[in-house]
Amino acid sequence: MLKKVLLAVVVLLVIVFGIVPAFMPASVTIERSVTVDAPAGVVFPIVNDLKNWEDWSPWKEKDPSMVITYTENTVGAGSEYSWVGEESGEGTMRITASQPTESISTEVEFKGMGNAKGNFTFMESDASTKVTWAFASDLDTPPWISRLLGPMIESGVGADFERGLANLKEKAESMPVLPDI
Protein backbone atom coordinates (compact mmCIF):
# COMPACT_ATOMS: atom_id res chain seq x y z
CA MET A 1 0.00 0.00 0.00
CA LEU A 2 2.80 2.42 0.93
CA LYS A 3 4.55 1.70 -2.39
CA LYS A 4 1.36 2.61 -4.28
CA VAL A 5 1.01 5.90 -2.40
CA LEU A 6 4.66 6.78 -3.02
CA LEU A 7 4.31 5.87 -6.70
CA ALA A 8 1.18 8.06 -6.96
CA VAL A 9 3.04 10.97 -5.34
CA VAL A 10 5.97 10.57 -7.74
CA VAL A 11 3.63 10.42 -10.75
CA LEU A 12 1.79 13.52 -9.51
CA LEU A 13 5.09 15.40 -9.07
CA VAL A 14 6.21 14.42 -12.57
CA ILE A 15 2.92 15.71 -13.97
CA VAL A 16 3.00 18.97 -12.01
CA PHE A 17 6.68 19.78 -12.54
CA GLY A 18 7.36 18.02 -15.84
CA ILE A 19 4.26 18.15 -17.98
CA VAL A 20 2.08 21.05 -16.81
CA PRO A 21 4.80 23.72 -17.32
CA ALA A 22 5.12 22.66 -20.97
CA PHE A 23 1.56 23.88 -21.53
CA MET A 24 1.93 27.13 -19.59
CA PRO A 25 3.00 30.44 -21.17
CA ALA A 26 6.73 30.81 -21.80
CA SER A 27 6.64 34.52 -20.97
CA VAL A 28 4.82 37.00 -18.79
CA THR A 29 3.65 40.49 -19.71
CA ILE A 30 2.40 42.93 -17.12
CA GLU A 31 0.86 46.32 -17.83
CA ARG A 32 -0.76 48.88 -15.57
CA SER A 33 -1.85 52.48 -16.18
CA VAL A 34 -2.82 55.57 -14.24
CA THR A 35 -4.04 59.00 -15.27
CA VAL A 36 -2.04 61.79 -13.68
CA ASP A 37 -3.49 65.29 -13.43
CA ALA A 38 -0.30 66.88 -14.74
CA PRO A 39 1.19 67.39 -18.19
CA ALA A 40 3.69 64.87 -19.60
CA GLY A 41 6.39 67.54 -19.22
CA VAL A 42 6.01 67.20 -15.44
CA VAL A 43 5.56 63.41 -15.20
CA PHE A 44 8.21 62.28 -17.70
CA PRO A 45 11.28 63.77 -15.89
CA ILE A 46 10.27 62.03 -12.65
CA VAL A 47 10.63 58.64 -14.35
CA ASN A 48 13.49 59.58 -16.67
CA ASP A 49 15.86 60.42 -13.78
CA LEU A 50 16.68 57.22 -11.89
CA LYS A 51 17.49 59.13 -8.69
CA ASN A 52 13.79 60.09 -8.51
CA TRP A 53 12.74 56.43 -8.39
CA GLU A 54 13.42 56.22 -4.66
CA ASP A 55 10.60 58.77 -4.19
CA TRP A 56 7.93 56.73 -5.97
CA SER A 57 9.15 53.20 -6.71
CA PRO A 58 7.30 50.53 -4.71
CA TRP A 59 10.42 48.42 -4.17
CA LYS A 60 12.42 50.79 -1.98
CA GLU A 61 9.26 51.16 0.09
CA LYS A 62 8.96 47.35 0.39
CA ASP A 63 12.64 46.82 1.18
CA PRO A 64 14.07 49.69 3.26
CA SER A 65 17.37 47.76 3.51
CA MET A 66 17.86 48.16 -0.26
CA VAL A 67 21.13 49.86 -1.17
CA ILE A 68 21.13 51.57 -4.57
CA THR A 69 24.25 52.49 -6.53
CA TYR A 70 23.96 54.87 -9.48
CA THR A 71 26.17 55.38 -12.49
CA GLU A 72 27.51 58.89 -13.04
CA ASN A 73 24.67 59.69 -15.44
CA THR A 74 21.22 59.06 -13.93
CA VAL A 75 19.06 60.66 -16.64
CA GLY A 76 17.86 59.14 -19.90
CA ALA A 77 19.33 56.49 -22.18
CA GLY A 78 22.50 54.93 -20.79
CA SER A 79 21.73 55.73 -17.16
CA GLU A 80 21.82 52.79 -14.78
CA TYR A 81 21.50 51.73 -11.19
CA SER A 82 22.21 48.55 -9.28
CA TRP A 83 20.54 47.42 -6.09
CA VAL A 84 21.05 44.89 -3.34
CA GLY A 85 18.62 44.24 -0.52
CA GLU A 86 17.44 41.60 1.92
CA GLU A 87 13.99 41.34 0.35
CA SER A 88 14.71 42.58 -3.18
CA GLY A 89 17.83 40.55 -3.93
CA GLU A 90 20.34 41.92 -6.44
CA GLY A 91 20.03 43.39 -9.87
CA THR A 92 20.67 46.17 -12.34
CA MET A 93 18.32 48.42 -14.28
CA ARG A 94 19.24 50.67 -17.17
CA ILE A 95 17.34 53.04 -19.38
CA THR A 96 17.91 51.88 -22.94
CA ALA A 97 15.85 54.51 -24.78
CA SER A 98 14.21 57.79 -23.84
CA GLN A 99 11.89 59.87 -26.02
CA PRO A 100 11.07 63.08 -24.10
CA THR A 101 7.45 63.19 -22.88
CA GLU A 102 6.60 60.06 -24.92
CA SER A 103 8.34 56.88 -23.74
CA ILE A 104 11.13 55.30 -21.72
CA SER A 105 12.44 51.77 -22.28
CA THR A 106 14.34 49.83 -19.64
CA GLU A 107 16.24 46.59 -19.25
CA VAL A 108 16.38 44.83 -15.90
CA GLU A 109 18.75 42.05 -14.88
CA PHE A 110 17.70 40.10 -11.80
CA LYS A 111 20.80 38.31 -10.51
CA GLY A 112 20.20 34.59 -10.88
CA MET A 113 16.63 35.06 -12.08
CA GLY A 114 16.87 36.30 -15.66
CA ASN A 115 16.19 39.54 -17.49
CA ALA A 116 13.16 41.64 -18.34
CA LYS A 117 12.26 44.54 -20.58
CA GLY A 118 10.25 47.45 -19.25
CA ASN A 119 8.51 50.37 -20.89
CA PHE A 120 6.76 53.55 -19.85
CA THR A 121 4.50 55.46 -22.21
CA PHE A 122 3.13 58.95 -21.58
CA MET A 123 -0.06 59.93 -23.44
CA GLU A 124 -0.99 63.57 -22.76
CA SER A 125 -4.57 64.74 -23.15
CA ASP A 126 -5.52 68.26 -22.09
CA ALA A 127 -3.78 68.82 -18.74
CA SER A 128 -3.50 65.13 -17.78
CA THR A 129 -1.20 62.29 -18.77
CA LYS A 130 -1.97 58.59 -19.00
CA VAL A 131 1.14 56.75 -17.80
CA THR A 132 1.43 53.08 -18.72
CA TRP A 133 4.09 50.89 -17.13
CA ALA A 134 4.74 47.58 -18.88
CA PHE A 135 7.09 44.67 -18.24
CA ALA A 136 7.85 41.54 -20.26
CA SER A 137 10.04 38.58 -19.36
CA ASP A 138 10.70 35.09 -20.63
CA LEU A 139 9.99 32.40 -18.07
CA ASP A 140 13.01 30.22 -18.68
CA THR A 141 15.15 30.35 -15.53
CA PRO A 142 14.55 27.37 -14.90
CA PRO A 143 11.47 26.79 -17.06
CA TRP A 144 9.63 24.30 -14.91
CA ILE A 145 9.68 26.59 -11.87
CA SER A 146 9.27 29.98 -13.51
CA ARG A 147 6.37 28.88 -15.74
CA LEU A 148 4.51 27.56 -12.70
CA LEU A 149 5.20 30.86 -10.92
CA GLY A 150 4.13 33.02 -13.92
CA PRO A 151 0.62 33.76 -12.61
CA MET A 152 2.03 34.74 -9.20
CA ILE A 153 4.66 36.95 -10.87
CA GLU A 154 1.91 38.75 -12.78
CA SER A 155 -0.15 39.23 -9.65
CA GLY A 156 2.74 40.37 -7.44
CA VAL A 157 4.48 42.66 -9.92
CA GLY A 158 1.11 43.99 -11.09
CA ALA A 159 0.31 45.05 -7.53
CA ASP A 160 3.76 46.65 -7.24
CA PHE A 161 3.18 48.57 -10.48
CA GLU A 162 -0.18 49.82 -9.18
CA ARG A 163 1.47 51.01 -5.96
CA GLY A 164 4.34 52.65 -7.86
CA LEU A 165 1.99 54.40 -10.28
CA ALA A 166 -0.11 55.68 -7.36
CA ASN A 167 3.09 57.06 -5.77
CA LEU A 168 4.15 58.59 -9.11
CA LYS A 169 0.71 60.21 -9.49
CA GLU A 170 0.91 61.69 -5.99
CA LYS A 171 4.42 63.03 -6.59
CA ALA A 172 3.65 64.51 -10.02
CA GLU A 173 0.39 66.11 -8.91
CA SER A 174 2.15 67.80 -6.00
CA MET A 175 4.71 69.48 -8.28
CA PRO A 176 4.16 72.99 -9.59
CA VAL A 177 3.25 73.34 -13.26
CA LEU A 178 5.09 76.21 -14.89
CA PRO A 179 3.28 78.11 -17.63
CA ASP A 180 4.60 77.85 -21.19
CA ILE A 181 6.64 80.87 -22.20
C-alpha atoms as a PDB file:
ATOM      1  CA  MET A   1       0.000   0.000   0.000  1.00  0.00           C
ATOM      2  CA  LEU A   2       2.802   2.421   0.927  1.00  0.00           C
ATOM      3  CA  LYS A   3       4.547   1.697  -2.388  1.00  0.00           C
ATOM      4  CA  LYS A   4       1.357   2.608  -4.276  1.00  0.00           C
ATOM      5  CA  VAL A   5       1.010   5.896  -2.396  1.00  0.00           C
ATOM      6  CA  LEU A   6       4.663   6.783  -3.021  1.00  0.00           C
ATOM      7  CA  LEU A   7       4.309   5.875  -6.701  1.00  0.00           C
ATOM      8  CA  ALA A   8       1.182   8.059  -6.957  1.00  0.00           C
ATOM      9  CA  VAL A   9       3.038  10.974  -5.336  1.00  0.00           C
ATOM     10  CA  VAL A  10       5.974  10.571  -7.741  1.00  0.00           C
ATOM     11  CA  VAL A  11       3.627  10.422 -10.752  1.00  0.00           C
ATOM     12  CA  LEU A  12       1.794  13.520  -9.510  1.00  0.00           C
ATOM     13  CA  LEU A  13       5.085  15.401  -9.065  1.00  0.00           C
ATOM     14  CA  VAL A  14       6.208  14.424 -12.570  1.00  0.00           C
ATOM     15  CA  ILE A  15       2.924  15.711 -13.969  1.00  0.00           C
ATOM     16  CA  VAL A  16       3.000  18.969 -12.007  1.00  0.00           C
ATOM     17  CA  PHE A  17       6.681  19.777 -12.542  1.00  0.00           C
ATOM     18  CA  GLY A  18       7.357  18.016 -15.839  1.00  0.00           C
ATOM     19  CA  ILE A  19       4.260  18.147 -17.984  1.00  0.00           C
ATOM     20  CA  VAL A  20       2.076  21.050 -16.805  1.00  0.00           C
ATOM     21  CA  PRO A  21       4.801  23.719 -17.324  1.00  0.00           C
ATOM     22  CA  ALA A  22       5.122  22.657 -20.973  1.00  0.00           C
ATOM     23  CA  PHE A  23       1.561  23.880 -21.534  1.00  0.00           C
ATOM     24  CA  MET A  24       1.930  27.129 -19.593  1.00  0.00           C
ATOM     25  CA  PRO A  25       2.996  30.444 -21.169  1.00  0.00           C
ATOM     26  CA  ALA A  26       6.733  30.811 -21.796  1.00  0.00           C
ATOM     27  CA  SER A  27       6.636  34.523 -20.968  1.00  0.00           C
ATOM     28  CA  VAL A  28       4.816  36.997 -18.786  1.00  0.00           C
ATOM     29  CA  THR A  29       3.648  40.486 -19.713  1.00  0.00           C
ATOM     30  CA  ILE A  30       2.398  42.928 -17.123  1.00  0.00           C
ATOM     31  CA  GLU A  31       0.864  46.318 -17.831  1.00  0.00           C
ATOM     32  CA  ARG A  32      -0.758  48.880 -15.567  1.00  0.00           C
ATOM     33  CA  SER A  33      -1.845  52.484 -16.180  1.00  0.00           C
ATOM     34  CA  VAL A  34      -2.822  55.568 -14.243  1.00  0.00           C
ATOM     35  CA  THR A  35      -4.038  59.004 -15.271  1.00  0.00           C
ATOM     36  CA  VAL A  36      -2.036  61.789 -13.676  1.00  0.00           C
ATOM     37  CA  ASP A  37      -3.491  65.289 -13.425  1.00  0.00           C
ATOM     38  CA  ALA A  38      -0.297  66.885 -14.740  1.00  0.00           C
ATOM     39  CA  PRO A  39       1.193  67.390 -18.188  1.00  0.00           C
ATOM     40  CA  ALA A  40       3.690  64.873 -19.595  1.00  0.00           C
ATOM     41  CA  GLY A  41       6.390  67.539 -19.222  1.00  0.00           C
ATOM     42  CA  VAL A  42       6.009  67.202 -15.438  1.00  0.00           C
ATOM     43  CA  VAL A  43       5.561  63.411 -15.202  1.00  0.00           C
ATOM     44  CA  PHE A  44       8.207  62.278 -17.698  1.00  0.00           C
ATOM     45  CA  PRO A  45      11.276  63.767 -15.887  1.00  0.00           C
ATOM     46  CA  ILE A  46      10.274  62.033 -12.648  1.00  0.00           C
ATOM     47  CA  VAL A  47      10.629  58.644 -14.350  1.00  0.00           C
ATOM     48  CA  ASN A  48      13.490  59.580 -16.671  1.00  0.00           C
ATOM     49  CA  ASP A  49      15.864  60.421 -13.778  1.00  0.00           C
ATOM     50  CA  LEU A  50      16.678  57.218 -11.891  1.00  0.00           C
ATOM     51  CA  LYS A  51      17.488  59.134  -8.691  1.00  0.00           C
ATOM     52  CA  ASN A  52      13.790  60.088  -8.515  1.00  0.00           C
ATOM     53  CA  TRP A  53      12.738  56.429  -8.386  1.00  0.00           C
ATOM     54  CA  GLU A  54      13.424  56.219  -4.657  1.00  0.00           C
ATOM     55  CA  ASP A  55      10.604  58.773  -4.188  1.00  0.00           C
ATOM     56  CA  TRP A  56       7.926  56.732  -5.967  1.00  0.00           C
ATOM     57  CA  SER A  57       9.146  53.195  -6.714  1.00  0.00           C
ATOM     58  CA  PRO A  58       7.300  50.532  -4.710  1.00  0.00           C
ATOM     59  CA  TRP A  59      10.421  48.422  -4.174  1.00  0.00           C
ATOM     60  CA  LYS A  60      12.415  50.786  -1.980  1.00  0.00           C
ATOM     61  CA  GLU A  61       9.255  51.159   0.086  1.00  0.00           C
ATOM     62  CA  LYS A  62       8.955  47.353   0.395  1.00  0.00           C
ATOM     63  CA  ASP A  63      12.645  46.825   1.175  1.00  0.00           C
ATOM     64  CA  PRO A  64      14.071  49.693   3.262  1.00  0.00           C
ATOM     65  CA  SER A  65      17.371  47.764   3.511  1.00  0.00           C
ATOM     66  CA  MET A  66      17.860  48.164  -0.256  1.00  0.00           C
ATOM     67  CA  VAL A  67      21.127  49.862  -1.169  1.00  0.00           C
ATOM     68  CA  ILE A  68      21.127  51.566  -4.574  1.00  0.00           C
ATOM     69  CA  THR A  69      24.251  52.487  -6.525  1.00  0.00           C
ATOM     70  CA  TYR A  70      23.965  54.874  -9.480  1.00  0.00           C
ATOM     71  CA  THR A  71      26.167  55.382 -12.494  1.00  0.00           C
ATOM     72  CA  GLU A  72      27.506  58.890 -13.039  1.00  0.00           C
ATOM     73  CA  ASN A  73      24.670  59.692 -15.435  1.00  0.00           C
ATOM     74  CA  THR A  74      21.224  59.064 -13.932  1.00  0.00           C
ATOM     75  CA  VAL A  75      19.057  60.662 -16.638  1.00  0.00           C
ATOM     76  CA  GLY A  76      17.863  59.139 -19.905  1.00  0.00           C
ATOM     77  CA  ALA A  77      19.329  56.486 -22.176  1.00  0.00           C
ATOM     78  CA  GLY A  78      22.495  54.932 -20.791  1.00  0.00           C
ATOM     79  CA  SER A  79      21.728  55.726 -17.161  1.00  0.00           C
ATOM     80  CA  GLU A  80      21.825  52.792 -14.784  1.00  0.00           C
ATOM     81  CA  TYR A  81      21.499  51.727 -11.195  1.00  0.00           C
ATOM     82  CA  SER A  82      22.208  48.550  -9.279  1.00  0.00           C
ATOM     83  CA  TRP A  83      20.540  47.419  -6.092  1.00  0.00           C
ATOM     84  CA  VAL A  84      21.049  44.891  -3.339  1.00  0.00           C
ATOM     85  CA  GLY A  85      18.618  44.236  -0.516  1.00  0.00           C
ATOM     86  CA  GLU A  86      17.441  41.598   1.922  1.00  0.00           C
ATOM     87  CA  GLU A  87      13.987  41.345   0.346  1.00  0.00           C
ATOM     88  CA  SER A  88      14.712  42.577  -3.181  1.00  0.00           C
ATOM     89  CA  GLY A  89      17.832  40.547  -3.930  1.00  0.00           C
ATOM     90  CA  GLU A  90      20.339  41.919  -6.437  1.00  0.00           C
ATOM     91  CA  GLY A  91      20.026  43.391  -9.869  1.00  0.00           C
ATOM     92  CA  THR A  92      20.673  46.166 -12.340  1.00  0.00           C
ATOM     93  CA  MET A  93      18.324  48.417 -14.282  1.00  0.00           C
ATOM     94  CA  ARG A  94      19.244  50.671 -17.173  1.00  0.00           C
ATOM     95  CA  ILE A  95      17.335  53.044 -19.380  1.00  0.00           C
ATOM     96  CA  THR A  96      17.912  51.877 -22.944  1.00  0.00           C
ATOM     97  CA  ALA A  97      15.850  54.508 -24.777  1.00  0.00           C
ATOM     98  CA  SER A  98      14.207  57.790 -23.837  1.00  0.00           C
ATOM     99  CA  GLN A  99      11.889  59.867 -26.024  1.00  0.00           C
ATOM    100  CA  PRO A 100      11.071  63.080 -24.103  1.00  0.00           C
ATOM    101  CA  THR A 101       7.453  63.193 -22.880  1.00  0.00           C
ATOM    102  CA  GLU A 102       6.599  60.062 -24.924  1.00  0.00           C
ATOM    103  CA  SER A 103       8.342  56.883 -23.741  1.00  0.00           C
ATOM    104  CA  ILE A 104      11.129  55.302 -21.723  1.00  0.00           C
ATOM    105  CA  SER A 105      12.442  51.773 -22.282  1.00  0.00           C
ATOM    106  CA  THR A 106      14.337  49.827 -19.636  1.00  0.00           C
ATOM    107  CA  GLU A 107      16.240  46.591 -19.253  1.00  0.00           C
ATOM    108  CA  VAL A 108      16.379  44.831 -15.901  1.00  0.00           C
ATOM    109  CA  GLU A 109      18.748  42.050 -14.879  1.00  0.00           C
ATOM    110  CA  PHE A 110      17.697  40.102 -11.795  1.00  0.00           C
ATOM    111  CA  LYS A 111      20.798  38.307 -10.508  1.00  0.00           C
ATOM    112  CA  GLY A 112      20.205  34.593 -10.881  1.00  0.00           C
ATOM    113  CA  MET A 113      16.625  35.065 -12.079  1.00  0.00           C
ATOM    114  CA  GLY A 114      16.873  36.303 -15.657  1.00  0.00           C
ATOM    115  CA  ASN A 115      16.191  39.538 -17.492  1.00  0.00           C
ATOM    116  CA  ALA A 116      13.165  41.635 -18.344  1.00  0.00           C
ATOM    117  CA  LYS A 117      12.258  44.540 -20.581  1.00  0.00           C
ATOM    118  CA  GLY A 118      10.252  47.454 -19.253  1.00  0.00           C
ATOM    119  CA  ASN A 119       8.514  50.365 -20.887  1.00  0.00           C
ATOM    120  CA  PHE A 120       6.756  53.549 -19.853  1.00  0.00           C
ATOM    121  CA  THR A 121       4.498  55.459 -22.207  1.00  0.00           C
ATOM    122  CA  PHE A 122       3.128  58.947 -21.581  1.00  0.00           C
ATOM    123  CA  MET A 123      -0.065  59.935 -23.436  1.00  0.00           C
ATOM    124  CA  GLU A 124      -0.992  63.570 -22.765  1.00  0.00           C
ATOM    125  CA  SER A 125      -4.573  64.740 -23.153  1.00  0.00           C
ATOM    126  CA  ASP A 126      -5.522  68.260 -22.094  1.00  0.00           C
ATOM    127  CA  ALA A 127      -3.785  68.820 -18.737  1.00  0.00           C
ATOM    128  CA  SER A 128      -3.496  65.133 -17.781  1.00  0.00           C
ATOM    129  CA  THR A 129      -1.202  62.289 -18.768  1.00  0.00           C
ATOM    130  CA  LYS A 130      -1.971  58.587 -18.998  1.00  0.00           C
ATOM    131  CA  VAL A 131       1.143  56.750 -17.796  1.00  0.00           C
ATOM    132  CA  THR A 132       1.431  53.078 -18.721  1.00  0.00           C
ATOM    133  CA  TRP A 133       4.092  50.894 -17.127  1.00  0.00           C
ATOM    134  CA  ALA A 134       4.741  47.579 -18.884  1.00  0.00           C
ATOM    135  CA  PHE A 135       7.090  44.674 -18.236  1.00  0.00           C
ATOM    136  CA  ALA A 136       7.855  41.535 -20.261  1.00  0.00           C
ATOM    137  CA  SER A 137      10.042  38.583 -19.363  1.00  0.00           C
ATOM    138  CA  ASP A 138      10.698  35.089 -20.631  1.00  0.00           C
ATOM    139  CA  LEU A 139       9.993  32.397 -18.071  1.00  0.00           C
ATOM    140  CA  ASP A 140      13.013  30.220 -18.684  1.00  0.00           C
ATOM    141  CA  THR A 141      15.150  30.345 -15.528  1.00  0.00           C
ATOM    142  CA  PRO A 142      14.548  27.367 -14.895  1.00  0.00           C
ATOM    143  CA  PRO A 143      11.470  26.789 -17.062  1.00  0.00           C
ATOM    144  CA  TRP A 144       9.628  24.301 -14.913  1.00  0.00           C
ATOM    145  CA  ILE A 145       9.676  26.588 -11.866  1.00  0.00           C
ATOM    146  CA  SER A 146       9.268  29.982 -13.510  1.00  0.00           C
ATOM    147  CA  ARG A 147       6.373  28.879 -15.738  1.00  0.00           C
ATOM    148  CA  LEU A 148       4.510  27.562 -12.705  1.00  0.00           C
ATOM    149  CA  LEU A 149       5.197  30.863 -10.921  1.00  0.00           C
ATOM    150  CA  GLY A 150       4.134  33.019 -13.919  1.00  0.00           C
ATOM    151  CA  PRO A 151       0.617  33.756 -12.609  1.00  0.00           C
ATOM    152  CA  MET A 152       2.029  34.737  -9.202  1.00  0.00           C
ATOM    153  CA  ILE A 153       4.659  36.952 -10.866  1.00  0.00           C
ATOM    154  CA  GLU A 154       1.911  38.752 -12.783  1.00  0.00           C
ATOM    155  CA  SER A 155      -0.154  39.233  -9.651  1.00  0.00           C
ATOM    156  CA  GLY A 156       2.741  40.374  -7.438  1.00  0.00           C
ATOM    157  CA  VAL A 157       4.484  42.656  -9.923  1.00  0.00           C
ATOM    158  CA  GLY A 158       1.114  43.990 -11.094  1.00  0.00           C
ATOM    159  CA  ALA A 159       0.307  45.048  -7.530  1.00  0.00           C
ATOM    160  CA  ASP A 160       3.764  46.652  -7.239  1.00  0.00           C
ATOM    161  CA  PHE A 161       3.178  48.568 -10.483  1.00  0.00           C
ATOM    162  CA  GLU A 162      -0.178  49.817  -9.180  1.00  0.00           C
ATOM    163  CA  ARG A 163       1.473  51.009  -5.955  1.00  0.00           C
ATOM    164  CA  GLY A 164       4.338  52.652  -7.861  1.00  0.00           C
ATOM    165  CA  LEU A 165       1.987  54.405 -10.280  1.00  0.00           C
ATOM    166  CA  ALA A 166      -0.109  55.684  -7.358  1.00  0.00           C
ATOM    167  CA  ASN A 167       3.090  57.055  -5.767  1.00  0.00           C
ATOM    168  CA  LEU A 168       4.148  58.592  -9.106  1.00  0.00           C
ATOM    169  CA  LYS A 169       0.711  60.213  -9.488  1.00  0.00           C
ATOM    170  CA  GLU A 170       0.910  61.690  -5.992  1.00  0.00           C
ATOM    171  CA  LYS A 171       4.420  63.034  -6.588  1.00  0.00           C
ATOM    172  CA  ALA A 172       3.648  64.507 -10.021  1.00  0.00           C
ATOM    173  CA  GLU A 173       0.394  66.108  -8.908  1.00  0.00           C
ATOM    174  CA  SER A 174       2.149  67.803  -5.996  1.00  0.00           C
ATOM    175  CA  MET A 175       4.711  69.476  -8.283  1.00  0.00           C
ATOM    176  CA  PRO A 176       4.163  72.995  -9.586  1.00  0.00           C
ATOM    177  CA  VAL A 177       3.250  73.342 -13.258  1.00  0.00           C
ATOM    178  CA  LEU A 178       5.091  76.206 -14.886  1.00  0.00           C
ATOM    179  CA  PRO A 179       3.281  78.111 -17.625  1.00  0.00           C
ATOM    180  CA  ASP A 180       4.597  77.848 -21.194  1.00  0.00           C
ATOM    181  CA  ILE A 181       6.638  80.865 -22.202  1.00  0.00           C
END
